[in-house]
Amino acid sequence: MILYNITISVLLEAEQEWLQWMKEVHIPEVMATGLPVENRMLRLLMEMDNGGATYTCQYYFKSMADYDIYQAVYQPRLMQKHHERYKERYVSFRTLLEEV
C-alpha cells in the first residue's frame, strides 16, 4: 500500500471555508479518479502559533503504478485548482510512504 500524504497549513481566516471546500469538493474529486482506495483528513493538535491551522490529507493507493497514474493524469489539474482558489493563504508539502 502506498500512502500519499499532503500536509497543509492554511491561514486561520480561510480555515473553515477551506475545510468545507476540501470535504465537499476537492477530496471527492480526488476519490472520483478511482485510483485512491481510501482517504483520511486529520488536523494537527499540537502546533506552534503560526497564524494557521495544519491538516494532513492522506490518500492510499494499492500500488505505485496507481499512484504514478494519479500523478501524471489527475494531480496537476487538481493541485492547480486548489492553488488558484487558496494562493497566498496556505503552504504545503508532500510525502510518499510505503506500508511495510
C-alpha atoms as a PDB file:
ATOM      1  CA  MET A   1       0.000   0.000   0.000  1.00  0.00           C
ATOM      2  CA  ILE A   2       1.267   3.475  -0.916  1.00  0.00           C
ATOM      3  CA  LEU A   3       0.367   6.488   1.229  1.00  0.00           C
ATOM      4  CA  TYR A   4       0.433   9.912  -0.401  1.00  0.00           C
ATOM      5  CA  ASN A   5       0.394  12.462   2.415  1.00  0.00           C
ATOM      6  CA  ILE A   6      -0.141  16.192   1.888  1.00  0.00           C
ATOM      7  CA  THR A   7       0.461  18.430   4.903  1.00  0.00           C
ATOM      8  CA  ILE A   8      -1.231  21.814   4.561  1.00  0.00           C
ATOM      9  CA  SER A   9      -1.121  24.863   6.816  1.00  0.00           C
ATOM     10  CA  VAL A  10      -3.964  27.240   5.994  1.00  0.00           C
ATOM     11  CA  LEU A  11      -4.441  30.744   7.399  1.00  0.00           C
ATOM     12  CA  LEU A  12      -6.995  30.879  10.205  1.00  0.00           C
ATOM     13  CA  GLU A  13      -9.216  33.357   8.360  1.00  0.00           C
ATOM     14  CA  ALA A  14      -9.588  30.874   5.476  1.00  0.00           C
ATOM     15  CA  GLU A  15      -9.695  27.682   7.546  1.00  0.00           C
ATOM     16  CA  GLN A  16     -13.441  26.994   7.768  1.00  0.00           C
ATOM     17  CA  GLU A  17     -14.197  27.785   4.130  1.00  0.00           C
ATOM     18  CA  TRP A  18     -11.126  25.767   3.036  1.00  0.00           C
ATOM     19  CA  LEU A  19     -12.124  22.808   5.213  1.00  0.00           C
ATOM     20  CA  GLN A  20     -15.648  22.767   3.803  1.00  0.00           C
ATOM     21  CA  TRP A  21     -14.326  23.016   0.219  1.00  0.00           C
ATOM     22  CA  MET A  22     -11.844  20.199   0.833  1.00  0.00           C
ATOM     23  CA  LYS A  23     -14.528  17.900   2.235  1.00  0.00           C
ATOM     24  CA  GLU A  24     -17.253  18.731  -0.278  1.00  0.00           C
ATOM     25  CA  VAL A  25     -15.276  19.338  -3.479  1.00  0.00           C
ATOM     26  CA  HIS A  26     -11.569  18.543  -3.544  1.00  0.00           C
ATOM     27  CA  ILE A  27     -11.388  15.198  -1.743  1.00  0.00           C
ATOM     28  CA  PRO A  28     -14.438  13.839  -3.636  1.00  0.00           C
ATOM     29  CA  GLU A  29     -12.756  14.871  -6.918  1.00  0.00           C
ATOM     30  CA  VAL A  30      -9.564  13.046  -5.942  1.00  0.00           C
ATOM     31  CA  MET A  31     -11.507   9.938  -4.941  1.00  0.00           C
ATOM     32  CA  ALA A  32     -13.586  10.097  -8.149  1.00  0.00           C
ATOM     33  CA  THR A  33     -10.430   9.342 -10.151  1.00  0.00           C
ATOM     34  CA  GLY A  34     -10.871   5.766  -8.915  1.00  0.00           C
ATOM     35  CA  LEU A  35      -7.195   5.467  -8.036  1.00  0.00           C
ATOM     36  CA  PRO A  36      -7.012   6.071  -4.280  1.00  0.00           C
ATOM     37  CA  VAL A  37      -8.772   3.302  -2.386  1.00  0.00           C
ATOM     38  CA  GLU A  38      -9.098   5.215   0.876  1.00  0.00           C
ATOM     39  CA  ASN A  39      -8.537   8.667   2.277  1.00  0.00           C
ATOM     40  CA  ARG A  40      -8.276  10.399   5.617  1.00  0.00           C
ATOM     41  CA  MET A  41      -8.097  14.005   6.716  1.00  0.00           C
ATOM     42  CA  LEU A  42      -6.604  14.859  10.072  1.00  0.00           C
ATOM     43  CA  ARG A  43      -5.903  18.062  11.996  1.00  0.00           C
ATOM     44  CA  LEU A  44      -2.633  18.585  13.826  1.00  0.00           C
ATOM     45  CA  LEU A  45      -3.454  19.117  17.506  1.00  0.00           C
ATOM     46  CA  MET A  46      -0.102  20.314  18.806  1.00  0.00           C
ATOM     47  CA  GLU A  47       1.354  23.115  16.750  1.00  0.00           C
ATOM     48  CA  MET A  48       3.124  26.409  17.134  1.00  0.00           C
ATOM     49  CA  ASP A  49       1.141  29.621  16.851  1.00  0.00           C
ATOM     50  CA  ASN A  50       1.879  30.481  13.242  1.00  0.00           C
ATOM     51  CA  GLY A  51      -1.413  32.123  12.317  1.00  0.00           C
ATOM     52  CA  GLY A  52      -2.669  28.961  10.671  1.00  0.00           C
ATOM     53  CA  ALA A  53      -4.148  25.529  11.232  1.00  0.00           C
ATOM     54  CA  THR A  54      -2.365  22.438   9.962  1.00  0.00           C
ATOM     55  CA  TYR A  55      -4.066  19.456   8.369  1.00  0.00           C
ATOM     56  CA  THR A  56      -2.926  16.328   6.623  1.00  0.00           C
ATOM     57  CA  CYS A  57      -4.782  14.770   3.700  1.00  0.00           C
ATOM     58  CA  GLN A  58      -3.892  11.131   3.217  1.00  0.00           C
ATOM     59  CA  TYR A  59      -4.658   9.092   0.124  1.00  0.00           C
ATOM     60  CA  TYR A  60      -3.994   5.353  -0.028  1.00  0.00           C
ATOM     61  CA  PHE A  61      -3.133   3.650  -3.315  1.00  0.00           C
ATOM     62  CA  LYS A  62      -2.971  -0.107  -3.920  1.00  0.00           C
ATOM     63  CA  SER A  63       0.244   0.199  -5.920  1.00  0.00           C
ATOM     64  CA  MET A  64       2.933   2.586  -7.059  1.00  0.00           C
ATOM     65  CA  ALA A  65       1.548   2.205 -10.588  1.00  0.00           C
ATOM     66  CA  ASP A  66      -1.827   3.606  -9.442  1.00  0.00           C
ATOM     67  CA  TYR A  67      -0.081   6.497  -7.712  1.00  0.00           C
ATOM     68  CA  ASP A  68       2.003   7.197 -10.842  1.00  0.00           C
ATOM     69  CA  ILE A  69      -1.158   7.353 -12.983  1.00  0.00           C
ATOM     70  CA  TYR A  70      -2.763   9.723 -10.495  1.00  0.00           C
ATOM     71  CA  GLN A  71       0.327  11.966 -10.525  1.00  0.00           C
ATOM     72  CA  ALA A  72       0.605  12.026 -14.304  1.00  0.00           C
ATOM     73  CA  VAL A  73      -3.044  12.345 -15.286  1.00  0.00           C
ATOM     74  CA  TYR A  74      -5.023  13.961 -12.442  1.00  0.00           C
ATOM     75  CA  GLN A  75      -2.824  15.579  -9.826  1.00  0.00           C
ATOM     76  CA  PRO A  76      -1.592  18.613 -11.842  1.00  0.00           C
ATOM     77  CA  ARG A  77      -5.137  19.845 -12.590  1.00  0.00           C
ATOM     78  CA  LEU A  78      -6.426  19.206  -9.066  1.00  0.00           C
ATOM     79  CA  MET A  79      -3.397  20.835  -7.480  1.00  0.00           C
ATOM     80  CA  GLN A  80      -3.739  23.878  -9.747  1.00  0.00           C
ATOM     81  CA  LYS A  81      -7.409  24.246  -8.861  1.00  0.00           C
ATOM     82  CA  HIS A  82      -6.518  24.244  -5.144  1.00  0.00           C
ATOM     83  CA  HIS A  83      -3.672  26.696  -5.668  1.00  0.00           C
ATOM     84  CA  GLU A  84      -5.788  29.152  -7.656  1.00  0.00           C
ATOM     85  CA  ARG A  85      -8.510  29.129  -5.007  1.00  0.00           C
ATOM     86  CA  TYR A  86      -6.218  29.475  -1.957  1.00  0.00           C
ATOM     87  CA  LYS A  87      -2.998  31.083  -3.245  1.00  0.00           C
ATOM     88  CA  GLU A  88      -1.134  33.055  -0.596  1.00  0.00           C
ATOM     89  CA  ARG A  89      -3.364  31.546   2.114  1.00  0.00           C
ATOM     90  CA  TYR A  90      -1.652  28.177   2.513  1.00  0.00           C
ATOM     91  CA  VAL A  91       1.645  26.332   2.407  1.00  0.00           C
ATOM     92  CA  SER A  92       2.040  22.615   1.858  1.00  0.00           C
ATOM     93  CA  PHE A  93       4.471  19.782   1.445  1.00  0.00           C
ATOM     94  CA  ARG A  94       4.066  16.224   0.288  1.00  0.00           C
ATOM     95  CA  THR A  95       5.456  12.885   1.393  1.00  0.00           C
ATOM     96  CA  LEU A  96       5.150   9.450  -0.148  1.00  0.00           C
ATOM     97  CA  LEU A  97       5.293   6.402   2.105  1.00  0.00           C
ATOM     98  CA  GLU A  98       5.124   2.674   1.613  1.00  0.00           C
ATOM     99  CA  GLU A  99       3.463   0.321   4.084  1.00  0.00           C
ATOM    100  CA  VAL A 100       5.873  -2.349   5.291  1.00  0.00           C
END
